[in-house]
Amino acid sequence: MLSDYLAHDAIGLANLVRTREASARELLDMAIARAEAANPAINAIVLKDYDAARQRASHDHSHTLGDGPLAGVPYLIKDLGAPVAGLRMSMGSRHYRHFVPKIDAPVVALARAAGLNIFAKTSTSELGQMPYTEPELFGACRNPWSLDHTPGGSSGGSAAAVAAGIVPLAHASDGGGSIRIPASCCGLFGLKPSRGRIPGLQQPAAGELGVDHAVSRSVRDSALLLDLMTGHAQQMPPGAPGTFLGAVSEPCKPLHIAYVTDPMLAPTLSADTRAALEDAAALAAALGHHVEPVKLGIDFEAVRHAFLMMSSVTTRDMVLNAERITGHKPARDEFEISTWAMAHIGRKLGERALPAALEEQRRITVKLTDLLTRYDLILCATLASAPIKIGEMVPTQSERLQMRAVTTLPIEPLLRKMLAEAADKAFAWAGCTEIFNLSGQPAMSVPLYWNARGLPVGVQFAAAAGGEATLFRLAAQLEAARPWFARRPPLLPARI
């Protein structure tokens, strides 16, 4: 049964349930067994809801999973921004560790309607702040490809769980790269949909940077899930022409691809990333696509500032205004010092800078929209280098002292200095994805390359707004030409 479970993606597992070759309870038991065996090593799951999931999957209660396209498939929800009624949503934060939402987020309700069986929640960086997943509340989440390395973030728990074979796909969200970064780190497929494509629960945050979707082992799982999240599956049968799943099975016409080697917000791209890009460009050309080197001609310093100001305002709302959500006032010792400092930057600098940041967002959107009238897609890096080691980006003791000082005495020049230094550190590795959150265009990380140390290094493709079908067609073609589904991390215990 173990080999059978790993041999199927979510669509395959749902077919087993539909044809009664396996039951929903058998699939859930396998997922739980894999979670219990893998999680002590990878620390991906931070909340378990096994008993309720077992009840839903039992023969007497199987009707509760319905007959949706993914009925009976075990599923994980990221512990951030997607409330599950009755389950704690800590968001990696001590302040929120007792917060229990009363209603499901739309993406959760839609997942349930599809028949997905939610049995646990996955780790995230505190409030999704960091591109790695090492919250002080739960400890570091680790990459199944190398336990010394990060699975990325902020959806690191979901990506680690999928890479470990606990589930074939898991919920993830992306406000600056948080689907694509962990997909790259963990050798998975990760697509960030267009802004507004998937319904949200709350009022849009500053700049509307974030969107929900998933990380997955197969392209077709991601496509079907997007159909389910957007209502296509309610209007047409799964895989019908005009659906995203249908696009996966359609031929990919020759595309005109803008090949970008700009490091974006990073200072430079590593040899691993350059090799991954060159490999992807060569593969695309071999498949009949026209790949043309292009310089974006963008003022990345202005992009960086706009993104940071928007993010700081969102953090301010989640930290300093947390009482609106939890009912009790936020305290300094309930948040990591970097999160607390970012919230104060949002209050001191971000509020005033937000109009200019939104104008820069508009300019970037116009520029990229214009580029994508001349090209079908953009090919660029997902990350500036391979996965970093655990602890490599965590604030040092001196940085923590500086953050404490500026939040105690928030003098503007000191806040700006601290922000610049912290941003330099983060963007040096994870500075290639944010631009498409600003523009709102769909983008995907595709796992085509592993470096000499056996670590995955994804590459990123972006399309015009609403262009997910084009991305899925290309992704399916790349998946067929360079299959990755059967590649498994070598370091997990054989018994898992």
Protein backbone atom coordinates (compact mmCIF):
# COMPACT_ATOMS: atom_id res chain seq x y z
CA MET A 1 0.00 0.00 0.00
CA LEU A 2 2.91 2.36 0.70
CA SER A 3 4.22 2.22 -2.85
CA ASP A 4 0.65 2.56 -4.17
CA TYR A 5 0.05 5.68 -2.07
CA LEU A 6 3.23 7.36 -3.27
CA ALA A 7 2.57 6.38 -6.87
CA HIS A 8 -0.56 8.54 -7.07
CA ASP A 9 -1.18 12.25 -7.09
CA ALA A 10 -4.39 13.64 -5.57
CA ILE A 11 -6.40 12.94 -8.72
CA GLY A 12 -5.09 9.38 -8.71
CA LEU A 13 -5.98 8.88 -5.05
CA ALA A 14 -9.48 10.25 -5.62
CA ASN A 15 -9.91 7.77 -8.47
CA LEU A 16 -8.97 4.93 -6.11
CA VAL A 17 -11.73 6.04 -3.73
CA ARG A 18 -14.22 6.52 -6.57
CA THR A 19 -13.58 3.02 -7.95
CA ARG A 20 -13.48 1.54 -4.42
CA GLU A 21 -9.95 0.25 -4.84
CA ALA A 22 -9.19 2.12 -1.60
CA SER A 23 -11.32 3.84 0.99
CA ALA A 24 -11.04 7.38 2.26
CA ARG A 25 -10.16 5.94 5.67
CA GLU A 26 -7.33 3.86 4.23
CA LEU A 27 -5.86 6.92 2.51
CA LEU A 28 -6.17 8.98 5.67
CA ASP A 29 -4.54 6.27 7.78
CA MET A 30 -1.63 6.18 5.34
CA ALA A 31 -1.27 9.98 5.42
CA ILE A 32 -1.36 10.02 9.22
CA ALA A 33 1.17 7.18 9.44
CA ARG A 34 3.51 9.06 7.12
CA ALA A 35 2.98 12.26 9.10
CA GLU A 36 3.77 10.57 12.39
CA ALA A 37 6.92 8.99 10.96
CA ALA A 38 8.21 12.06 9.09
CA ASN A 39 7.22 14.95 11.32
CA PRO A 40 9.76 14.35 14.11
CA ALA A 41 12.44 14.94 11.45
CA ILE A 42 10.90 17.74 9.41
CA ASN A 43 8.60 19.50 11.94
CA ALA A 44 6.08 20.44 9.24
CA ILE A 45 2.82 19.80 11.11
CA VAL A 46 1.93 22.08 14.02
CA LEU A 47 -1.67 21.08 14.76
CA LYS A 48 -3.39 17.70 14.38
CA ASP A 49 -7.10 17.08 13.83
CA TYR A 50 -6.84 13.36 13.25
CA ASP A 51 -9.97 12.22 15.09
CA ALA A 52 -12.34 14.53 13.25
CA ALA A 53 -10.74 13.55 9.93
CA ARG A 54 -11.10 9.87 10.80
CA GLN A 55 -14.76 10.38 11.57
CA ARG A 56 -15.31 12.10 8.23
CA ALA A 57 -13.51 9.25 6.45
CA SER A 58 -15.28 6.41 8.27
CA HIS A 59 -17.76 4.24 6.41
CA ASP A 60 -20.64 5.51 8.55
CA HIS A 61 -19.81 9.15 7.87
CA SER A 62 -18.25 9.02 4.39
CA HIS A 63 -21.15 11.08 3.06
CA THR A 64 -19.62 14.07 4.86
CA LEU A 65 -16.82 14.12 2.28
CA GLY A 66 -19.35 14.21 -0.55
CA ASP A 67 -18.67 13.16 -4.12
CA GLY A 68 -16.45 16.06 -5.20
CA PRO A 69 -13.59 15.51 -7.66
CA LEU A 70 -11.09 15.02 -4.82
CA ALA A 71 -13.35 13.20 -2.36
CA GLY A 72 -11.39 11.23 0.22
CA VAL A 73 -7.99 12.77 -0.45
CA PRO A 74 -6.12 13.79 2.75
CA TYR A 75 -5.27 17.50 2.85
CA LEU A 76 -3.27 19.97 4.93
CA ILE A 77 -3.99 23.65 5.55
CA LYS A 78 -1.28 26.22 6.17
CA ASP A 79 -1.59 27.72 9.66
CA LEU A 80 -1.85 31.27 8.30
CA GLY A 81 -4.59 33.36 6.76
CA ALA A 82 -6.98 30.48 5.98
CA PRO A 83 -9.15 29.98 9.07
CA VAL A 84 -10.58 26.54 9.74
CA ALA A 85 -13.61 26.78 11.99
CA GLY A 86 -12.89 25.32 15.41
CA LEU A 87 -9.14 24.86 14.85
CA ARG A 88 -6.47 27.09 16.34
CA MET A 89 -4.81 29.47 13.87
CA SER A 90 -1.58 30.59 15.53
CA MET A 91 0.09 31.94 12.37
CA GLY A 92 3.40 31.00 13.98
CA SER A 93 2.88 33.67 16.66
CA ARG A 94 2.67 33.51 20.43
CA HIS A 95 0.00 36.21 20.41
CA TYR A 96 -2.32 34.16 18.19
CA ARG A 97 -1.55 30.73 19.68
CA HIS A 98 -4.96 30.50 21.37
CA PHE A 99 -6.99 32.11 18.59
CA VAL A 100 -9.74 29.81 17.32
CA PRO A 101 -11.68 31.09 14.27
CA LYS A 102 -15.42 30.48 14.14
CA ILE A 103 -15.83 30.27 10.36
CA ASP A 104 -14.01 28.65 7.46
CA ALA A 105 -12.13 30.76 4.96
CA PRO A 106 -13.52 30.48 1.41
CA VAL A 107 -10.55 28.35 0.33
CA VAL A 108 -11.24 25.98 3.23
CA ALA A 109 -14.95 25.76 2.44
CA LEU A 110 -14.14 25.12 -1.22
CA ALA A 111 -11.60 22.45 -0.26
CA ARG A 112 -14.24 20.71 1.84
CA ALA A 113 -16.73 20.95 -1.05
CA ALA A 114 -14.16 19.26 -3.30
CA GLY A 115 -14.07 16.36 -0.83
CA LEU A 116 -10.60 17.05 0.56
CA ASN A 117 -10.22 15.74 4.11
CA ILE A 118 -8.36 18.27 6.27
CA PHE A 119 -6.49 16.42 9.02
CA ALA A 120 -3.75 18.84 10.19
CA LYS A 121 -2.22 22.30 9.78
CA THR A 122 1.28 23.15 8.62
CA SER A 123 4.00 25.43 9.91
CA THR A 124 4.70 28.95 8.67
CA SER A 125 7.05 31.76 9.58
CA GLU A 126 5.46 34.17 12.04
CA LEU A 127 2.66 35.99 10.19
CA GLY A 128 4.30 34.86 6.94
CA GLN A 129 7.03 37.45 7.39
CA MET A 130 10.06 35.43 6.33
CA PRO A 131 11.00 33.36 3.25
CA TYR A 132 12.10 30.54 5.58
CA THR A 133 10.04 28.65 8.18
CA GLU A 134 11.66 28.89 11.60
CA PRO A 135 9.03 30.34 13.97
CA GLU A 136 10.16 30.67 17.56
CA LEU A 137 6.79 29.25 18.66
CA PHE A 138 7.28 25.86 16.94
CA GLY A 139 10.94 25.69 15.94
CA ALA A 140 12.51 25.19 12.55
CA CYS A 141 10.76 23.26 9.80
CA ARG A 142 13.27 21.23 7.78
CA ASN A 143 13.66 20.28 4.14
CA PRO A 144 13.22 16.55 3.39
CA TRP A 145 15.93 16.82 0.73
CA SER A 146 18.43 17.87 3.42
CA LEU A 147 17.43 18.27 7.04
CA ASP A 148 20.11 20.91 7.52
CA HIS A 149 18.42 23.16 4.95
CA THR A 150 15.25 25.23 4.89
CA PRO A 151 12.14 24.15 3.00
CA GLY A 152 11.60 27.84 2.27
CA GLY A 153 8.71 29.93 3.46
CA SER A 154 6.38 31.06 4.43
CA SER A 155 4.53 27.91 3.26
CA GLY A 156 7.47 25.77 4.32
CA GLY A 157 5.44 23.30 6.35
CA SER A 158 3.13 22.52 3.44
CA ALA A 159 6.03 22.09 1.02
CA ALA A 160 8.01 19.88 3.41
CA ALA A 161 4.95 17.70 3.99
CA VAL A 162 4.31 17.24 0.27
CA ALA A 163 7.99 16.55 -0.45
CA ALA A 164 7.98 13.95 2.34
CA GLY A 165 5.04 12.18 0.71
CA ILE A 166 2.57 12.85 3.53
CA VAL A 167 0.08 14.29 1.03
CA PRO A 168 0.30 14.88 -2.73
CA LEU A 169 -0.73 18.54 -2.43
CA ALA A 170 -1.28 21.01 0.38
CA HIS A 171 -2.67 24.49 0.85
CA ALA A 172 -0.21 27.36 0.56
CA SER A 173 -0.39 31.13 0.21
CA ASP A 174 1.85 33.70 -1.46
CA GLY A 175 2.29 37.37 -0.54
CA GLY A 176 5.86 37.74 -1.75
CA GLY A 177 6.85 34.31 -3.03
CA SER A 178 5.53 32.01 -0.31
CA ILE A 179 4.20 29.38 -2.74
CA ARG A 180 7.04 29.57 -5.27
CA ILE A 181 9.95 29.79 -2.81
CA PRO A 182 9.13 26.58 -0.89
CA ALA A 183 8.21 24.83 -4.14
CA SER A 184 11.69 25.64 -5.43
CA CYS A 185 13.35 24.49 -2.20
CA CYS A 186 11.42 21.21 -2.03
CA GLY A 187 11.37 20.10 -5.68
CA LEU A 188 7.65 20.76 -6.14
CA PHE A 189 5.33 22.56 -8.52
CA GLY A 190 3.97 25.81 -7.14
CA LEU A 191 1.71 28.27 -8.94
CA LYS A 192 0.70 31.68 -7.62
CA PRO A 193 -2.59 32.59 -9.32
CA SER A 194 -3.52 36.02 -10.62
CA ARG A 195 -4.57 38.62 -8.08
CA GLY A 196 -8.25 38.18 -7.23
CA ARG A 197 -8.51 34.79 -8.95
CA ILE A 198 -9.36 32.96 -5.70
CA PRO A 199 -11.85 34.44 -3.21
CA GLY A 200 -10.52 35.73 0.10
CA LEU A 201 -12.09 36.13 3.52
CA GLN A 202 -10.83 39.47 4.73
CA GLN A 203 -10.51 42.97 3.35
CA PRO A 204 -7.53 43.24 0.98
CA ALA A 205 -4.25 44.17 2.64
CA ALA A 206 -2.13 47.05 1.37
CA GLY A 207 -1.42 46.52 -2.30
CA GLU A 208 -3.32 43.19 -2.40
CA LEU A 209 -0.07 41.23 -2.59
CA GLY A 210 -1.30 37.87 -1.34
CA VAL A 211 -3.22 34.97 -2.85
CA ASP A 212 -4.03 31.39 -1.78
CA HIS A 213 -3.45 28.18 -3.71
CA ALA A 214 -1.20 25.12 -3.15
CA VAL A 215 2.07 23.28 -3.63
CA SER A 216 1.85 19.92 -5.35
CA ARG A 217 3.82 17.04 -6.83
CA SER A 218 1.91 17.07 -10.14
CA VAL A 219 0.84 19.88 -12.45
CA ARG A 220 -2.63 18.46 -12.98
CA ASP A 221 -3.42 18.49 -9.24
CA SER A 222 -2.66 22.20 -9.13
CA ALA A 223 -4.82 22.81 -12.20
CA LEU A 224 -7.82 20.89 -10.88
CA LEU A 225 -7.58 22.57 -7.50
CA LEU A 226 -7.56 25.99 -9.18
CA ASP A 227 -10.69 24.97 -11.12
CA LEU A 228 -12.30 24.01 -7.82
CA MET A 229 -11.24 27.22 -6.10
CA THR A 230 -12.51 29.45 -8.92
CA GLY A 231 -15.81 27.75 -9.71
CA HIS A 232 -14.83 26.28 -13.08
CA ALA A 233 -15.46 22.77 -11.78
CA GLN A 234 -19.02 23.73 -10.80
CA GLN A 235 -19.75 25.01 -14.31
CA MET A 236 -18.01 22.31 -16.38
CA PRO A 237 -16.88 18.71 -15.87
CA PRO A 238 -13.27 18.35 -14.65
CA GLY A 239 -10.90 18.50 -17.58
CA ALA A 240 -13.42 20.01 -19.99
CA PRO A 241 -12.20 22.54 -22.57
CA GLY A 242 -11.94 25.94 -20.94
CA THR A 243 -10.89 24.57 -17.56
CA PHE A 244 -7.37 24.70 -16.15
CA LEU A 245 -7.28 20.91 -15.93
CA GLY A 246 -8.31 20.83 -19.57
CA ALA A 247 -5.38 23.10 -20.42
CA VAL A 248 -2.98 20.54 -18.92
CA SER A 249 -3.95 17.99 -21.57
CA GLU A 250 -3.89 20.47 -24.47
CA PRO A 251 -0.85 20.83 -26.74
CA CYS A 252 1.38 23.75 -25.83
CA LYS A 253 1.83 25.91 -28.91
CA PRO A 254 5.28 27.43 -29.54
CA LEU A 255 5.66 30.33 -27.11
CA HIS A 256 7.67 33.53 -27.27
CA ILE A 257 9.49 33.57 -23.92
CA ALA A 258 11.35 36.55 -22.48
CA TYR A 259 14.44 35.12 -20.77
CA VAL A 260 15.42 37.35 -17.86
CA THR A 261 18.65 36.87 -15.89
CA ASP A 262 18.26 40.05 -13.82
CA PRO A 263 18.65 39.15 -10.14
CA MET A 264 15.59 41.32 -9.38
CA LEU A 265 15.87 42.47 -5.75
CA ALA A 266 18.88 40.22 -5.11
CA PRO A 267 22.39 41.56 -5.77
CA THR A 268 23.40 38.55 -7.88
CA LEU A 269 22.41 35.03 -8.92
CA SER A 270 24.44 32.04 -7.76
CA ALA A 271 26.07 29.54 -10.10
CA ASP A 272 23.33 27.01 -9.20
CA THR A 273 20.57 29.42 -10.16
CA ARG A 274 22.27 30.44 -13.38
CA ALA A 275 22.74 26.77 -14.29
CA ALA A 276 19.05 26.07 -13.55
CA LEU A 277 18.00 29.00 -15.72
CA GLU A 278 20.27 28.01 -18.60
CA ASP A 279 18.98 24.45 -18.39
CA ALA A 280 15.34 25.60 -18.45
CA ALA A 281 15.96 27.97 -21.36
CA ALA A 282 17.65 25.20 -23.33
CA LEU A 283 14.84 22.76 -22.57
CA ALA A 284 12.18 25.27 -23.62
CA ALA A 285 14.05 25.93 -26.86
CA ALA A 286 14.37 22.21 -27.53
CA LEU A 287 10.59 21.91 -27.11
CA GLY A 288 10.08 24.45 -29.88
CA HIS A 289 9.69 27.69 -27.96
CA HIS A 290 11.44 30.92 -28.94
CA VAL A 291 13.53 32.02 -25.96
CA GLU A 292 14.86 35.56 -26.18
CA PRO A 293 17.15 37.26 -23.63
CA VAL A 294 15.50 40.43 -22.30
CA LYS A 295 16.45 43.16 -19.84
CA LEU A 296 13.51 44.38 -17.81
CA GLY A 297 14.83 47.91 -17.37
CA ILE A 298 13.12 48.25 -14.00
CA ASP A 299 14.24 50.39 -11.07
CA PHE A 300 14.50 47.54 -8.59
CA GLU A 301 15.43 49.85 -5.73
CA ALA A 302 12.04 51.54 -6.13
CA VAL A 303 10.36 48.13 -6.35
CA ARG A 304 12.10 47.01 -3.19
CA HIS A 305 11.01 50.11 -1.27
CA ALA A 306 7.39 49.80 -2.44
CA PHE A 307 7.20 46.14 -1.46
CA LEU A 308 8.70 46.75 1.97
CA MET A 309 6.35 49.65 2.71
CA MET A 310 3.28 47.62 1.74
CA SER A 311 4.46 44.64 3.76
CA SER A 312 5.19 46.81 6.78
CA VAL A 313 1.65 48.23 6.77
CA THR A 314 0.17 44.74 6.60
CA THR A 315 2.40 43.66 9.50
CA ARG A 316 1.37 46.72 11.50
CA ASP A 317 -2.27 45.68 11.10
CA MET A 318 -1.60 42.08 12.16
CA VAL A 319 0.56 43.04 15.15
CA LEU A 320 -0.37 46.42 16.58
CA ASN A 321 -4.05 46.01 15.72
CA ALA A 322 -4.19 42.33 16.68
CA GLU A 323 -6.82 43.05 19.34
CA ARG A 324 -9.40 43.37 16.55
CA ILE A 325 -8.87 39.68 15.79
CA THR A 326 -7.99 38.05 19.11
CA GLY A 327 -9.76 40.34 21.55
CA HIS A 328 -6.68 41.09 23.65
CA LYS A 329 -4.00 43.72 23.33
CA PRO A 330 -0.70 42.77 21.72
CA ALA A 331 2.39 42.68 23.91
CA ARG A 332 6.03 42.90 22.87
CA ASP A 333 6.93 39.45 24.23
CA GLU A 334 4.16 37.83 22.17
CA PHE A 335 5.94 38.48 18.87
CA GLU A 336 9.36 37.79 17.44
CA ILE A 337 11.52 40.89 17.57
CA SER A 338 11.81 41.16 13.76
CA THR A 339 8.00 41.05 13.42
CA TRP A 340 7.55 43.62 16.19
CA ALA A 341 10.12 45.87 14.51
CA MET A 342 8.44 45.54 11.11
CA ALA A 343 5.13 46.53 12.67
CA HIS A 344 6.72 49.70 14.05
CA ILE A 345 8.23 50.46 10.66
CA GLY A 346 4.73 50.14 9.23
CA ARG A 347 3.37 52.59 11.77
CA LYS A 348 6.25 55.08 11.53
CA LEU A 349 7.19 54.87 7.84
CA GLY A 350 4.78 52.66 5.95
CA GLU A 351 1.59 54.64 6.48
CA ARG A 352 3.16 57.79 5.07
CA ALA A 353 4.92 56.00 2.22
CA LEU A 354 1.95 53.88 1.16
CA PRO A 355 0.52 56.21 -1.54
CA ALA A 356 3.91 56.42 -3.30
CA ALA A 357 4.32 52.64 -2.96
CA LEU A 358 0.95 52.05 -4.56
CA GLU A 359 1.91 54.36 -7.42
CA GLU A 360 5.14 52.38 -7.91
CA GLN A 361 3.05 49.21 -7.92
CA ARG A 362 0.93 50.72 -10.70
CA ARG A 363 4.04 51.60 -12.74
CA ILE A 364 5.48 48.10 -12.37
CA THR A 365 2.18 46.55 -13.36
CA VAL A 366 1.99 48.69 -16.50
CA LYS A 367 5.58 47.86 -17.46
CA LEU A 368 5.20 44.10 -17.03
CA THR A 369 1.79 44.13 -18.70
CA ASP A 370 3.34 45.87 -21.70
CA LEU A 371 6.19 43.33 -21.83
CA LEU A 372 3.67 40.50 -21.83
CA THR A 373 1.87 41.91 -24.83
CA ARG A 374 5.09 41.24 -26.77
CA TYR A 375 5.95 37.92 -25.11
CA ASP A 376 3.80 35.02 -23.97
CA LEU A 377 5.80 34.34 -20.80
CA ILE A 378 8.75 35.50 -18.73
CA LEU A 379 11.39 32.99 -17.60
CA CYS A 380 13.44 34.07 -14.58
CA ALA A 381 14.87 32.81 -11.30
CA THR A 382 12.69 31.71 -8.39
CA LEU A 383 15.50 32.13 -5.82
CA ALA A 384 18.96 33.65 -6.05
CA SER A 385 20.52 30.39 -4.84
CA ALA A 386 19.75 26.86 -3.68
CA PRO A 387 18.05 26.34 -0.29
CA ILE A 388 19.96 28.00 2.55
CA LYS A 389 20.87 26.27 5.78
CA ILE A 390 18.65 26.35 8.84
CA GLY A 391 19.47 29.42 10.94
CA GLU A 392 21.38 31.20 8.20
CA MET A 393 18.94 34.12 7.99
CA VAL A 394 17.74 34.27 11.59
CA PRO A 395 18.64 37.64 13.18
CA THR A 396 21.94 37.60 15.01
CA GLN A 397 22.21 38.74 18.61
CA SER A 398 23.49 42.16 17.55
CA GLU A 399 20.67 42.51 15.01
CA ARG A 400 18.13 41.60 17.68
CA LEU A 401 19.56 44.21 20.02
CA GLN A 402 19.33 46.81 17.27
CA MET A 403 15.70 45.86 16.60
CA ARG A 404 14.84 46.15 20.28
CA ALA A 405 16.47 49.55 20.45
CA VAL A 406 14.63 51.01 17.47
CA THR A 407 11.25 49.74 18.63
CA THR A 408 11.84 51.23 22.06
CA LEU A 409 12.97 54.52 20.53
CA PRO A 410 11.63 54.51 16.93
CA ILE A 411 13.77 57.25 15.44
CA GLU A 412 13.20 57.35 11.70
CA PRO A 413 16.83 57.22 10.48
CA LEU A 414 17.51 54.23 12.73
CA LEU A 415 14.36 52.48 11.52
CA ARG A 416 15.42 53.02 7.91
CA LYS A 417 18.92 51.70 8.59
CA MET A 418 17.62 48.60 10.34
CA LEU A 419 15.09 47.92 7.58
CA ALA A 420 17.73 48.27 4.86
CA GLU A 421 20.08 45.85 6.58
CA ALA A 422 17.35 43.27 7.25
CA ALA A 423 16.07 43.57 3.68
CA ASP A 424 19.57 43.15 2.24
CA LYS A 425 19.88 39.89 4.14
CA ALA A 426 16.50 38.50 3.04
CA PHE A 427 16.56 39.67 -0.58
CA ALA A 428 20.08 38.34 -1.14
CA TRP A 429 18.44 34.91 -1.29
CA ALA A 430 14.72 35.50 -1.82
CA GLY A 431 14.46 38.58 -4.01
CA CYS A 432 13.16 37.19 -7.30
CA THR A 433 9.45 36.57 -6.65
CA GLU A 434 8.07 39.77 -5.13
CA ILE A 435 7.75 41.64 -8.41
CA PHE A 436 4.88 39.40 -9.54
CA ASN A 437 3.03 39.93 -6.26
CA LEU A 438 3.23 43.64 -6.97
CA SER A 439 2.01 43.22 -10.54
CA GLY A 440 -0.62 40.63 -9.60
CA GLN A 441 0.34 38.39 -12.50
CA PRO A 442 0.35 34.59 -12.21
CA ALA A 443 3.74 32.94 -11.78
CA MET A 444 4.93 29.39 -11.17
CA SER A 445 8.06 27.65 -9.93
CA VAL A 446 8.87 24.47 -11.84
CA PRO A 447 11.28 21.79 -10.47
CA LEU A 448 13.57 21.02 -13.40
CA TYR A 449 17.03 21.14 -11.78
CA TRP A 450 18.86 19.62 -8.81
CA ASN A 451 22.37 20.85 -7.96
CA ALA A 452 25.48 18.74 -7.31
CA ARG A 453 24.53 18.41 -3.62
CA GLY A 454 21.12 17.00 -4.56
CA LEU A 455 19.16 20.13 -3.62
CA PRO A 456 16.28 21.31 -5.84
CA VAL A 457 16.56 24.68 -7.62
CA GLY A 458 13.31 25.75 -9.28
CA VAL A 459 12.86 28.21 -12.13
CA GLN A 460 10.05 30.73 -12.45
CA PHE A 461 7.70 31.47 -15.33
CA ALA A 462 5.21 34.35 -15.29
CA ALA A 463 2.28 35.18 -17.58
CA ALA A 464 -0.03 38.12 -18.17
CA ALA A 465 -2.88 38.54 -15.70
CA GLY A 466 -5.36 35.74 -16.24
CA GLY A 467 -2.78 33.64 -18.09
CA GLU A 468 -2.78 30.58 -15.85
CA ALA A 469 -3.89 28.29 -18.69
CA THR A 470 -0.75 29.13 -20.67
CA LEU A 471 1.38 28.40 -17.62
CA PHE A 472 -0.33 25.06 -17.08
CA ARG A 473 0.12 24.02 -20.71
CA LEU A 474 3.83 24.76 -20.56
CA ALA A 475 4.20 23.18 -17.11
CA ALA A 476 2.59 19.96 -18.34
CA GLN A 477 4.91 19.92 -21.34
CA LEU A 478 7.96 20.45 -19.11
CA GLU A 479 6.72 17.78 -16.69
CA ALA A 480 6.43 15.28 -19.55
CA ALA A 481 9.85 16.17 -20.95
CA ARG A 482 11.65 16.19 -17.59
CA PRO A 483 9.51 14.12 -15.17
CA TRP A 484 9.95 14.98 -11.49
CA PHE A 485 7.00 13.20 -9.84
CA ALA A 486 8.95 10.07 -8.96
CA ARG A 487 11.96 11.93 -7.52
CA ARG A 488 11.93 11.36 -3.78
CA PRO A 489 14.08 12.86 -1.01
CA PRO A 490 16.73 10.26 -0.07
CA LEU A 491 17.24 11.14 3.59
CA LEU A 492 13.92 10.19 5.17
CA PRO A 493 13.69 6.84 6.99
CA ALA A 494 12.74 3.96 4.71
CA ARG A 495 9.86 2.98 7.00
CA ILE A 496 7.94 6.19 6.24
